Amino acid sequence: MGKTVSVDVPHKLGVAEAKRRLQIGIQALQEKYGHHLAALDIVWTGDNAVCTIGVMGHNIQGGLEVLADCVRVSVELPWALALIAEKAKGMIAHKTTEALQLPPPKG
């Protein structure tokens, strides 16, 4: 059995700005690490995203929920990766926080 990792990352940006920054941050991660992944599929529906990432021979399912005061990230780790759940949780929180700290649009 796998393990679900959930992280709430607080922000004061509002939904639209948080989503915009997340999308830019995800694009940057895709450009930097995309060649290491077997698959990366992110589908946005409103302020929610469903993600599938192929890594280390596993498909990892996850989701993003952009709320007015936080971003909720959930990832279902397969049993083989469940041992690194706490490390993954820290990395998810760190990368999400980095994306939310991107500069606002110019102009």
PDB file of N, CA and C in Angstrom:
ATOM      1  N   MET A   1       0.836  -1.179   0.000  1.00  0.00           N
ATOM      2  CA  MET A   1       0.000   0.000   0.000  1.00  0.00           C
ATOM      3  C   MET A   1       0.874   1.233   0.000  1.00  0.00           C
ATOM      4  N   GLY A   2       0.430   2.260  -0.721  1.00  0.00           N
ATOM      5  CA  GLY A   2       1.163   3.512  -0.812  1.00  0.00           C
ATOM      6  C   GLY A   2       0.894   4.417   0.372  1.00  0.00           C
ATOM      7  N   LYS A   3       1.351   5.623   0.249  1.00  0.00           N
ATOM      8  CA  LYS A   3       1.170   6.602   1.319  1.00  0.00           C
ATOM      9  C   LYS A   3       0.827   7.944   0.699  1.00  0.00           C
ATOM     10  N   THR A   4      -0.188   8.586   1.259  1.00  0.00           N
ATOM     11  CA  THR A   4      -0.574   9.918   0.800  1.00  0.00           C
ATOM     12  C   THR A   4       0.177  10.966   1.615  1.00  0.00           C
ATOM     13  N   VAL A   5       0.798  11.890   0.901  1.00  0.00           N
ATOM     14  CA  VAL A   5       1.498  13.010   1.519  1.00  0.00           C
ATOM     15  C   VAL A   5       0.708  14.258   1.184  1.00  0.00           C
ATOM     16  N   SER A   6       0.330  15.025   2.212  1.00  0.00           N
ATOM     17  CA  SER A   6      -0.415  16.267   2.011  1.00  0.00           C
ATOM     18  C   SER A   6       0.303  17.409   2.712  1.00  0.00           C
ATOM     19  N   VAL A   7       0.354  18.536   2.024  1.00  0.00           N
ATOM     20  CA  VAL A   7       1.019  19.721   2.559  1.00  0.00           C
ATOM     21  C   VAL A   7       0.147  20.932   2.261  1.00  0.00           C
ATOM     22  N   ASP A   8      -0.076  21.771   3.254  1.00  0.00           N
ATOM     23  CA  ASP A   8      -0.725  23.061   3.058  1.00  0.00           C
ATOM     24  C   ASP A   8       0.347  24.135   3.161  1.00  0.00           C
ATOM     25  N   VAL A   9       0.479  24.940   2.112  1.00  0.00           N
ATOM     26  CA  VAL A   9       1.469  26.010   2.091  1.00  0.00           C
ATOM     27  C   VAL A   9       0.718  27.342   2.125  1.00  0.00           C
ATOM     28  N   PRO A  10       0.839  28.083   3.227  1.00  0.00           N
ATOM     29  CA  PRO A  10       0.090  29.337   3.347  1.00  0.00           C
ATOM     30  C   PRO A  10       0.627  30.433   2.423  1.00  0.00           C
ATOM     31  N   HIS A  11      -0.266  31.340   2.061  1.00  0.00           N
ATOM     32  CA  HIS A  11       0.109  32.505   1.262  1.00  0.00           C
ATOM     33  C   HIS A  11      -0.903  33.613   1.510  1.00  0.00           C
ATOM     34  N   LYS A  12      -0.560  34.809   1.050  1.00  0.00           N
ATOM     35  CA  LYS A  12      -1.444  35.974   1.166  1.00  0.00           C
ATOM     36  C   LYS A  12      -1.634  36.614  -0.202  1.00  0.00           C
ATOM     37  N   LEU A  13      -1.665  35.796  -1.254  1.00  0.00           N
ATOM     38  CA  LEU A  13      -1.666  36.299  -2.625  1.00  0.00           C
ATOM     39  C   LEU A  13      -3.047  36.357  -3.261  1.00  0.00           C
ATOM     40  N   GLY A  14      -3.999  35.659  -2.713  1.00  0.00           N
ATOM     41  CA  GLY A  14      -5.271  35.485  -3.396  1.00  0.00           C
ATOM     42  C   GLY A  14      -5.159  34.322  -4.368  1.00  0.00           C
ATOM     43  N   VAL A  15      -6.284  33.802  -4.778  1.00  0.00           N
ATOM     44  CA  VAL A  15      -6.313  32.600  -5.611  1.00  0.00           C
ATOM     45  C   VAL A  15      -5.665  32.825  -6.980  1.00  0.00           C
ATOM     46  N   ALA A  16      -6.060  33.882  -7.673  1.00  0.00           N
ATOM     47  CA  ALA A  16      -5.575  34.100  -9.046  1.00  0.00           C
ATOM     48  C   ALA A  16      -4.060  34.275  -9.100  1.00  0.00           C
ATOM     49  N   GLU A  17      -3.507  35.081  -8.198  1.00  0.00           N
ATOM     50  CA  GLU A  17      -2.060  35.324  -8.209  1.00  0.00           C
ATOM     51  C   GLU A  17      -1.289  34.077  -7.765  1.00  0.00           C
ATOM     52  N   ALA A  18      -1.797  33.364  -6.780  1.00  0.00           N
ATOM     53  CA  ALA A  18      -1.133  32.129  -6.346  1.00  0.00           C
ATOM     54  C   ALA A  18      -1.114  31.113  -7.484  1.00  0.00           C
ATOM     55  N   LYS A  19      -2.223  30.973  -8.180  1.00  0.00           N
ATOM     56  CA  LYS A  19      -2.288  30.038  -9.306  1.00  0.00           C
ATOM     57  C   LYS A  19      -1.322  30.455 -10.407  1.00  0.00           C
ATOM     58  N   ARG A  20      -1.271  31.735 -10.724  1.00  0.00           N
ATOM     59  CA  ARG A  20      -0.362  32.223 -11.758  1.00  0.00           C
ATOM     60  C   ARG A  20       1.089  31.896 -11.407  1.00  0.00           C
ATOM     61  N   ARG A  21       1.461  32.149 -10.165  1.00  0.00           N
ATOM     62  CA  ARG A  21       2.840  31.877  -9.743  1.00  0.00           C
ATOM     63  C   ARG A  21       3.135  30.378  -9.743  1.00  0.00           C
ATOM     64  N   LEU A  22       2.170  29.577  -9.338  1.00  0.00           N
ATOM     65  CA  LEU A  22       2.363  28.122  -9.371  1.00  0.00           C
ATOM     66  C   LEU A  22       2.572  27.633 -10.797  1.00  0.00           C
ATOM     67  N   GLN A  23       1.785  28.141 -11.716  1.00  0.00           N
ATOM     68  CA  GLN A  23       1.927  27.719 -13.105  1.00  0.00           C
ATOM     69  C   GLN A  23       3.301  28.075 -13.654  1.00  0.00           C
ATOM     70  N   ILE A  24       3.803  29.242 -13.322  1.00  0.00           N
ATOM     71  CA  ILE A  24       5.148  29.645 -13.748  1.00  0.00           C
ATOM     72  C   ILE A  24       6.201  28.750 -13.078  1.00  0.00           C
ATOM     73  N   GLY A  25       6.022  28.495 -11.785  1.00  0.00           N
ATOM     74  CA  GLY A  25       6.960  27.637 -11.064  1.00  0.00           C
ATOM     75  C   GLY A  25       6.978  26.215 -11.599  1.00  0.00           C
ATOM     76  N   ILE A  26       5.813  25.683 -11.940  1.00  0.00           N
ATOM     77  CA  ILE A  26       5.729  24.329 -12.505  1.00  0.00           C
ATOM     78  C   ILE A  26       6.416  24.290 -13.861  1.00  0.00           C
ATOM     79  N   GLN A  27       6.206  25.317 -14.660  1.00  0.00           N
ATOM     80  CA  GLN A  27       6.858  25.389 -15.974  1.00  0.00           C
ATOM     81  C   GLN A  27       8.381  25.398 -15.806  1.00  0.00           C
ATOM     82  N   ALA A  28       8.890  26.140 -14.840  1.00  0.00           N
ATOM     83  CA  ALA A  28      10.334  26.194 -14.595  1.00  0.00           C
ATOM     84  C   ALA A  28      10.861  24.826 -14.167  1.00  0.00           C
ATOM     85  N   LEU A  29      10.097  24.119 -13.313  1.00  0.00           N
ATOM     86  CA  LEU A  29      10.507  22.775 -12.894  1.00  0.00           C
ATOM     87  C   LEU A  29      10.507  21.810 -14.077  1.00  0.00           C
ATOM     88  N   GLN A  30       9.509  21.937 -14.955  1.00  0.00           N
ATOM     89  CA  GLN A  30       9.456  21.083 -16.143  1.00  0.00           C
ATOM     90  C   GLN A  30      10.678  21.312 -17.016  1.00  0.00           C
ATOM     91  N   GLU A  31      11.056  22.569 -17.192  1.00  0.00           N
ATOM     92  CA  GLU A  31      12.215  22.882 -18.024  1.00  0.00           C
ATOM     93  C   GLU A  31      13.509  22.366 -17.393  1.00  0.00           C
ATOM     94  N   LYS A  32      13.609  22.444 -16.074  1.00  0.00           N
ATOM     95  CA  LYS A  32      14.828  22.041 -15.385  1.00  0.00           C
ATOM     96  C   LYS A  32      14.939  20.526 -15.219  1.00  0.00           C
ATOM     97  N   TYR A  33      13.831  19.860 -14.876  1.00  0.00           N
ATOM     98  CA  TYR A  33      13.882  18.443 -14.535  1.00  0.00           C
ATOM     99  C   TYR A  33      13.111  17.537 -15.492  1.00  0.00           C
ATOM    100  N   GLY A  34      12.459  18.098 -16.498  1.00  0.00           N
ATOM    101  CA  GLY A  34      11.615  17.314 -17.391  1.00  0.00           C
ATOM    102  C   GLY A  34      12.319  16.160 -18.058  1.00  0.00           C
ATOM    103  N   HIS A  35      13.597  16.319 -18.374  1.00  0.00           N
ATOM    104  CA  HIS A  35      14.338  15.246 -19.033  1.00  0.00           C
ATOM    105  C   HIS A  35      14.593  14.055 -18.106  1.00  0.00           C
ATOM    106  N   HIS A  36      14.399  14.218 -16.795  1.00  0.00           N
ATOM    107  CA  HIS A  36      14.561  13.123 -15.839  1.00  0.00           C
ATOM    108  C   HIS A  36      13.264  12.337 -15.632  1.00  0.00           C
ATOM    109  N   LEU A  37      12.158  12.832 -16.174  1.00  0.00           N
ATOM    110  CA  LEU A  37      10.853  12.236 -15.928  1.00  0.00           C
ATOM    111  C   LEU A  37      10.377  11.447 -17.136  1.00  0.00           C
ATOM    112  N   ALA A  38       9.744  10.309 -16.859  1.00  0.00           N
ATOM    113  CA  ALA A  38       9.161   9.523 -17.944  1.00  0.00           C
ATOM    114  C   ALA A  38       7.887  10.200 -18.446  1.00  0.00           C
ATOM    115  N   ALA A  39       7.185  10.898 -17.562  1.00  0.00           N
ATOM    116  CA  ALA A  39       5.950  11.588 -17.932  1.00  0.00           C
ATOM    117  C   ALA A  39       5.692  12.710 -16.935  1.00  0.00           C
ATOM    118  N   LEU A  40       5.050  13.737 -17.419  1.00  0.00           N
ATOM    119  CA  LEU A  40       4.586  14.821 -16.558  1.00  0.00           C
ATOM    120  C   LEU A  40       3.348  15.400 -17.204  1.00  0.00           C
ATOM    121  N   ASP A  41       2.225  15.190 -16.565  1.00  0.00           N
ATOM    122  CA  ASP A  41       0.954  15.651 -17.100  1.00  0.00           C
ATOM    123  C   ASP A  41       0.222  16.420 -16.008  1.00  0.00           C
ATOM    124  N   ILE A  42      -0.104  17.669 -16.289  1.00  0.00           N
ATOM    125  CA  ILE A  42      -0.830  18.507 -15.337  1.00  0.00           C
ATOM    126  C   ILE A  42      -2.044  19.077 -16.048  1.00  0.00           C
ATOM    127  N   VAL A  43      -3.218  18.808 -15.481  1.00  0.00           N
ATOM    128  CA  VAL A  43      -4.468  19.282 -16.067  1.00  0.00           C
ATOM    129  C   VAL A  43      -5.165  20.177 -15.033  1.00  0.00           C
ATOM    130  N   TRP A  44      -5.350  21.443 -15.421  1.00  0.00           N
ATOM    131  CA  TRP A  44      -6.030  22.397 -14.549  1.00  0.00           C
ATOM    132  C   TRP A  44      -7.524  22.413 -14.860  1.00  0.00           C
ATOM    133  N   THR A  45      -8.323  22.395 -13.816  1.00  0.00           N
ATOM    134  CA  THR A  45      -9.755  22.602 -13.905  1.00  0.00           C
ATOM    135  C   THR A  45     -10.089  23.661 -12.866  1.00  0.00           C
ATOM    136  N   GLY A  46     -10.285  24.863 -13.335  1.00  0.00           N
ATOM    137  CA  GLY A  46     -10.505  25.970 -12.399  1.00  0.00           C
ATOM    138  C   GLY A  46      -9.241  26.198 -11.582  1.00  0.00           C
ATOM    139  N   ASP A  47      -9.383  26.160 -10.269  1.00  0.00           N
ATOM    140  CA  ASP A  47      -8.256  26.406  -9.367  1.00  0.00           C
ATOM    141  C   ASP A  47      -7.664  25.115  -8.812  1.00  0.00           C
ATOM    142  N   ASN A  48      -7.974  24.001  -9.461  1.00  0.00           N
ATOM    143  CA  ASN A  48      -7.455  22.695  -9.049  1.00  0.00           C
ATOM    144  C   ASN A  48      -6.687  22.064 -10.199  1.00  0.00           C
ATOM    145  N   ALA A  49      -5.655  21.319  -9.864  1.00  0.00           N
ATOM    146  CA  ALA A  49      -4.875  20.615 -10.883  1.00  0.00           C
ATOM    147  C   ALA A  49      -4.712  19.165 -10.463  1.00  0.00           C
ATOM    148  N   VAL A  50      -4.776  18.288 -11.449  1.00  0.00           N
ATOM    149  CA  VAL A  50      -4.480  16.876 -11.254  1.00  0.00           C
ATOM    150  C   VAL A  50      -3.167  16.619 -11.961  1.00  0.00           C
ATOM    151  N   CYS A  51      -2.244  15.961 -11.267  1.00  0.00           N
ATOM    152  CA  CYS A  51      -0.907  15.752 -11.799  1.00  0.00           C
ATOM    153  C   CYS A  51      -0.580  14.265 -11.841  1.00  0.00           C
ATOM    154  N   THR A  52       0.107  13.864 -12.904  1.00  0.00           N
ATOM    155  CA  THR A  52       0.675  12.527 -13.009  1.00  0.00           C
ATOM    156  C   THR A  52       2.133  12.691 -13.391  1.00  0.00           C
ATOM    157  N   ILE A  53       3.002  12.081 -12.595  1.00  0.00           N
ATOM    158  CA  ILE A  53       4.434  12.185 -12.842  1.00  0.00           C
ATOM    159  C   ILE A  53       4.986  10.767 -12.940  1.00  0.00           C
ATOM    160  N   GLY A  54       5.709  10.494 -14.005  1.00  0.00           N
ATOM    161  CA  GLY A  54       6.377   9.204 -14.155  1.00  0.00           C
ATOM    162  C   GLY A  54       7.829   9.346 -13.767  1.00  0.00           C
ATOM    163  N   VAL A  55       8.219   8.661 -12.694  1.00  0.00           N
ATOM    164  CA  VAL A  55       9.589   8.769 -12.198  1.00  0.00           C
ATOM    165  C   VAL A  55      10.002   7.441 -11.558  1.00  0.00           C
ATOM    166  N   MET A  56      11.230   7.039 -11.803  1.00  0.00           N
ATOM    167  CA  MET A  56      11.790   5.812 -11.216  1.00  0.00           C
ATOM    168  C   MET A  56      10.905   4.599 -11.465  1.00  0.00           C
ATOM    169  N   GLY A  57      10.299   4.537 -12.638  1.00  0.00           N
ATOM    170  CA  GLY A  57       9.465   3.391 -12.986  1.00  0.00           C
ATOM    171  C   GLY A  57       8.095   3.390 -12.332  1.00  0.00           C
ATOM    172  N   HIS A  58       7.698   4.477 -11.723  1.00  0.00           N
ATOM    173  CA  HIS A  58       6.407   4.578 -11.035  1.00  0.00           C
ATOM    174  C   HIS A  58       5.637   5.782 -11.566  1.00  0.00           C
ATOM    175  N   ASN A  59       4.324   5.656 -11.593  1.00  0.00           N
ATOM    176  CA  ASN A  59       3.461   6.800 -11.860  1.00  0.00           C
ATOM    177  C   ASN A  59       2.966   7.330 -10.532  1.00  0.00           C
ATOM    178  N   ILE A  60       3.231   8.586 -10.288  1.00  0.00           N
ATOM    179  CA  ILE A  60       2.824   9.228  -9.042  1.00  0.00           C
ATOM    180  C   ILE A  60       1.669  10.162  -9.364  1.00  0.00           C
ATOM    181  N   GLN A  61       0.571  10.008  -8.639  1.00  0.00           N
ATOM    182  CA  GLN A  61      -0.614  10.841  -8.813  1.00  0.00           C
ATOM    183  C   GLN A  61      -0.631  11.912  -7.730  1.00  0.00           C
ATOM    184  N   GLY A  62      -1.090  13.083  -8.103  1.00  0.00           N
ATOM    185  CA  GLY A  62      -1.163  14.150  -7.119  1.00  0.00           C
ATOM    186  C   GLY A  62      -2.157  15.207  -7.527  1.00  0.00           C
ATOM    187  N   GLY A  63      -2.295  16.197  -6.668  1.00  0.00           N
ATOM    188  CA  GLY A  63      -3.214  17.278  -6.957  1.00  0.00           C
ATOM    189  C   GLY A  63      -2.821  18.553  -6.251  1.00  0.00           C
ATOM    190  N   LEU A  64      -3.259  19.655  -6.835  1.00  0.00           N
ATOM    191  CA  LEU A  64      -3.079  20.985  -6.259  1.00  0.00           C
ATOM    192  C   LEU A  64      -4.447  21.618  -6.102  1.00  0.00           C
ATOM    193  N   GLU A  65      -4.669  22.229  -4.971  1.00  0.00           N
ATOM    194  CA  GLU A  65      -5.892  22.984  -4.745  1.00  0.00           C
ATOM    195  C   GLU A  65      -5.471  24.379  -4.295  1.00  0.00           C
ATOM    196  N   VAL A  66      -5.776  25.387  -5.111  1.00  0.00           N
ATOM    197  CA  VAL A  66      -5.387  26.754  -4.790  1.00  0.00           C
ATOM    198  C   VAL A  66      -6.548  27.411  -4.055  1.00  0.00           C
ATOM    199  N   LEU A  67      -6.308  27.731  -2.811  1.00  0.00           N
ATOM    200  CA  LEU A  67      -7.308  28.376  -1.966  1.00  0.00           C
ATOM    201  C   LEU A  67      -6.884  29.816  -1.702  1.00  0.00           C
ATOM    202  N   ALA A  68      -7.771  30.607  -1.143  1.00  0.00           N
ATOM    203  CA  ALA A  68      -7.495  32.030  -0.909  1.00  0.00           C
ATOM    204  C   ALA A  68      -6.305  32.265   0.016  1.00  0.00           C
ATOM    205  N   ASP A  69      -6.049  31.335   0.944  1.00  0.00           N
ATOM    206  CA  ASP A  69      -4.989  31.548   1.927  1.00  0.00           C
ATOM    207  C   ASP A  69      -3.919  30.460   1.962  1.00  0.00           C
ATOM    208  N   CYS A  70      -4.060  29.429   1.135  1.00  0.00           N
ATOM    209  CA  CYS A  70      -3.049  28.381   1.088  1.00  0.00           C
ATOM    210  C   CYS A  70      -3.172  27.579  -0.206  1.00  0.00           C
ATOM    211  N   VAL A  71      -2.116  26.842  -0.486  1.00  0.00           N
ATOM    212  CA  VAL A  71      -2.135  25.872  -1.576  1.00  0.00           C
ATOM    213  C   VAL A  71      -2.049  24.508  -0.925  1.00  0.00           C
ATOM    214  N   ARG A  72      -2.993  23.646  -1.238  1.00  0.00           N
ATOM    215  CA  ARG A  72      -3.015  22.289  -0.694  1.00  0.00           C
ATOM    216  C   ARG A  72      -2.462  21.355  -1.769  1.00  0.00           C
ATOM    217  N   VAL A  73      -1.378  20.674  -1.441  1.00  0.00           N
ATOM    218  CA  VAL A  73      -0.743  19.734  -2.361  1.00  0.00           C
ATOM    219  C   VAL A  73      -0.883  18.338  -1.769  1.00  0.00           C
ATOM    220  N   SER A  74      -1.374  17.405  -2.573  1.00  0.00           N
ATOM    221  CA  SER A  74      -1.495  16.010  -2.142  1.00  0.00           C
ATOM    222  C   SER A  74      -0.830  15.123  -3.181  1.00  0.00           C
ATOM    223  N   VAL A  75      -0.061  14.161  -2.706  1.00  0.00           N
ATOM    224  CA  VAL A  75       0.641  13.239  -3.588  1.00  0.00           C
ATOM    225  C   VAL A  75       0.459  11.834  -3.039  1.00  0.00           C
ATOM    226  N   GLU A  76       0.084  10.906  -3.921  1.00  0.00           N
ATOM    227  CA  GLU A  76      -0.054   9.505  -3.551  1.00  0.00           C
ATOM    228  C   GLU A  76       1.222   8.782  -3.975  1.00  0.00           C
ATOM    229  N   LEU A  77       2.057   8.448  -2.996  1.00  0.00           N
ATOM    230  CA  LEU A  77       3.307   7.755  -3.291  1.00  0.00           C
ATOM    231  C   LEU A  77       3.067   6.256  -3.330  1.00  0.00           C
ATOM    232  N   PRO A  78       3.591   5.552  -4.333  1.00  0.00           N
ATOM    233  CA  PRO A  78       3.482   4.101  -4.349  1.00  0.00           C
ATOM    234  C   PRO A  78       4.279   3.513  -3.192  1.00  0.00           C
ATOM    235  N   TRP A  79       3.972   2.271  -2.837  1.00  0.00           N
ATOM    236  CA  TRP A  79       4.609   1.661  -1.659  1.00  0.00           C
ATOM    237  C   TRP A  79       6.134   1.713  -1.736  1.00  0.00           C
ATOM    238  N   ALA A  80       6.700   1.569  -2.921  1.00  0.00           N
ATOM    239  CA  ALA A  80       8.156   1.560  -3.063  1.00  0.00           C
ATOM    240  C   ALA A  80       8.771   2.916  -2.708  1.00  0.00           C
ATOM    241  N   LEU A  81       8.009   3.968  -2.823  1.00  0.00           N
ATOM    242  CA  LEU A  81       8.510   5.307  -2.504  1.00  0.00           C
ATOM    243  C   LEU A  81       7.974   5.840  -1.177  1.00  0.00           C
ATOM    244  N   ALA A  82       7.122   5.068  -0.510  1.00  0.00           N
ATOM    245  CA  ALA A  82       6.517   5.519   0.742  1.00  0.00           C
ATOM    246  C   ALA A  82       7.555   5.762   1.828  1.00  0.00           C
ATOM    247  N   LEU A  83       8.693   5.092   1.726  1.00  0.00           N
ATOM    248  CA  LEU A  83       9.745   5.274   2.725  1.00  0.00           C
ATOM    249  C   LEU A  83      10.326   6.686   2.725  1.00  0.00           C
ATOM    250  N   ILE A  84      10.195   7.376   1.618  1.00  0.00           N
ATOM    251  CA  ILE A  84      10.738   8.737   1.540  1.00  0.00           C
ATOM    252  C   ILE A  84       9.643   9.795   1.706  1.00  0.00           C
ATOM    253  N   ALA A  85       8.522   9.398   2.279  1.00  0.00           N
ATOM    254  CA  ALA A  85       7.366  10.298   2.382  1.00  0.00           C
ATOM    255  C   ALA A  85       7.696  11.601   3.106  1.00  0.00           C
ATOM    256  N   GLU A  86       8.398  11.536   4.218  1.00  0.00           N
ATOM    257  CA  GLU A  86       8.694  12.760   4.969  1.00  0.00           C
ATOM    258  C   GLU A  86       9.654  13.657   4.196  1.00  0.00           C
ATOM    259  N   LYS A  87      10.626  13.057   3.527  1.00  0.00           N
ATOM    260  CA  LYS A  87      11.542  13.847   2.701  1.00  0.00           C
ATOM    261  C   LYS A  87      10.772  14.488   1.540  1.00  0.00           C
ATOM    262  N   ALA A  88       9.861  13.724   0.939  1.00  0.00           N
ATOM    263  CA  ALA A  88       9.042  14.253  -0.157  1.00  0.00           C
ATOM    264  C   ALA A  88       8.175  15.401   0.335  1.00  0.00           C
ATOM    265  N   LYS A  89       7.624  15.268   1.515  1.00  0.00           N
ATOM    266  CA  LYS A  89       6.767  16.316   2.083  1.00  0.00           C
ATOM    267  C   LYS A  89       7.552  17.625   2.225  1.00  0.00           C
ATOM    268  N   GLY A  90       8.776  17.540   2.715  1.00  0.00           N
ATOM    269  CA  GLY A  90       9.613  18.726   2.866  1.00  0.00           C
ATOM    270  C   GLY A  90       9.954  19.349   1.523  1.00  0.00           C
ATOM    271  N   MET A  91      10.261  18.510   0.533  1.00  0.00           N
ATOM    272  CA  MET A  91      10.598  19.006  -0.790  1.00  0.00           C
ATOM    273  C   MET A  91       9.381  19.670  -1.444  1.00  0.00           C
ATOM    274  N   ILE A  92       8.214  19.068  -1.303  1.00  0.00           N
ATOM    275  CA  ILE A  92       6.981  19.635  -1.868  1.00  0.00           C
ATOM    276  C   ILE A  92       6.703  21.007  -1.254  1.00  0.00           C
ATOM    277  N   ALA A  93       6.808  21.091   0.067  1.00  0.00           N
ATOM    278  CA  ALA A  93       6.570  22.365   0.751  1.00  0.00           C
ATOM    279  C   ALA A  93       7.573  23.422   0.289  1.00  0.00           C
ATOM    280  N   HIS A  94       8.827  23.033   0.165  1.00  0.00           N
ATOM    281  CA  HIS A  94       9.883  23.969  -0.246  1.00  0.00           C
ATOM    282  C   HIS A  94       9.659  24.480  -1.667  1.00  0.00           C
ATOM    283  N   LYS A  95       9.406  23.585  -2.609  1.00  0.00           N
ATOM    284  CA  LYS A  95       9.225  23.981  -4.013  1.00  0.00           C
ATOM    285  C   LYS A  95       7.947  24.800  -4.205  1.00  0.00           C
ATOM    286  N   THR A  96       6.892  24.460  -3.460  1.00  0.00           N
ATOM    287  CA  THR A  96       5.648  25.225  -3.550  1.00  0.00           C
ATOM    288  C   THR A  96       5.866  26.630  -3.003  1.00  0.00           C
ATOM    289  N   THR A  97       6.560  26.737  -1.877  1.00  0.00           N
ATOM    290  CA  THR A  97       6.868  28.046  -1.298  1.00  0.00           C
ATOM    291  C   THR A  97       7.709  28.875  -2.253  1.00  0.00           C
ATOM    292  N   GLU A  98       8.710  28.248  -2.893  1.00  0.00           N
ATOM    293  CA  GLU A  98       9.531  28.960  -3.879  1.00  0.00           C
ATOM    294  C   GLU A  98       8.674  29.524  -5.008  1.00  0.00           C
ATOM    295  N   ALA A  99       7.755  28.712  -5.514  1.00  0.00           N
ATOM    296  CA  ALA A  99       6.896  29.162  -6.614  1.00  0.00           C
ATOM    297  C   ALA A  99       6.021  30.326  -6.177  1.00  0.00           C
ATOM    298  N   LEU A 100       5.513  30.276  -4.977  1.00  0.00           N
ATOM    299  CA  LEU A 100       4.643  31.358  -4.492  1.00  0.00           C
ATOM    300  C   LEU A 100       5.417  32.650  -4.241  1.00  0.00           C
ATOM    301  N   GLN A 101       6.736  32.574  -4.112  1.00  0.00           N
ATOM    302  CA  GLN A 101       7.545  33.754  -3.881  1.00  0.00           C
ATOM    303  C   GLN A 101       8.070  34.380  -5.156  1.00  0.00           C
ATOM    304  N   LEU A 102       7.653  33.846  -6.304  1.00  0.00           N
ATOM    305  CA  LEU A 102       8.057  34.445  -7.570  1.00  0.00           C
ATOM    306  C   LEU A 102       7.571  35.889  -7.611  1.00  0.00           C
ATOM    307  N   PRO A 103       8.257  36.746  -8.367  1.00  0.00           N
ATOM    308  CA  PRO A 103       7.848  38.148  -8.404  1.00  0.00           C
ATOM    309  C   PRO A 103       6.495  38.339  -9.093  1.00  0.00           C
ATOM    310  N   PRO A 104       5.795  39.394  -8.714  1.00  0.00           N
ATOM    311  CA  PRO A 104       4.528  39.690  -9.385  1.00  0.00           C
ATOM    312  C   PRO A 104       4.788  40.148 -10.816  1.00  0.00           C
ATOM    313  N   PRO A 105       3.741  40.157 -11.652  1.00  0.00           N
ATOM    314  CA  PRO A 105       3.939  40.592 -13.037  1.00  0.00           C
ATOM    315  C   PRO A 105       4.368  42.058 -13.097  1.00  0.00           C
ATOM    316  N   LYS A 106       5.173  42.376 -14.108  1.00  0.00           N
ATOM    317  CA  LYS A 106       5.622  43.756 -14.299  1.00  0.00           C
ATOM    318  C   LYS A 106       4.574  44.519 -15.095  1.00  0.00           C
ATOM    319  N   GLY A 107       4.492  45.770 -14.792  1.00  0.00           N
ATOM    320  CA  GLY A 107       3.608  46.609 -15.589  1.00  0.00           C
ATOM    321  C   GLY A 107       2.478  47.043 -14.852  1.00  0.00           C
TER     322      GLY A 107
END
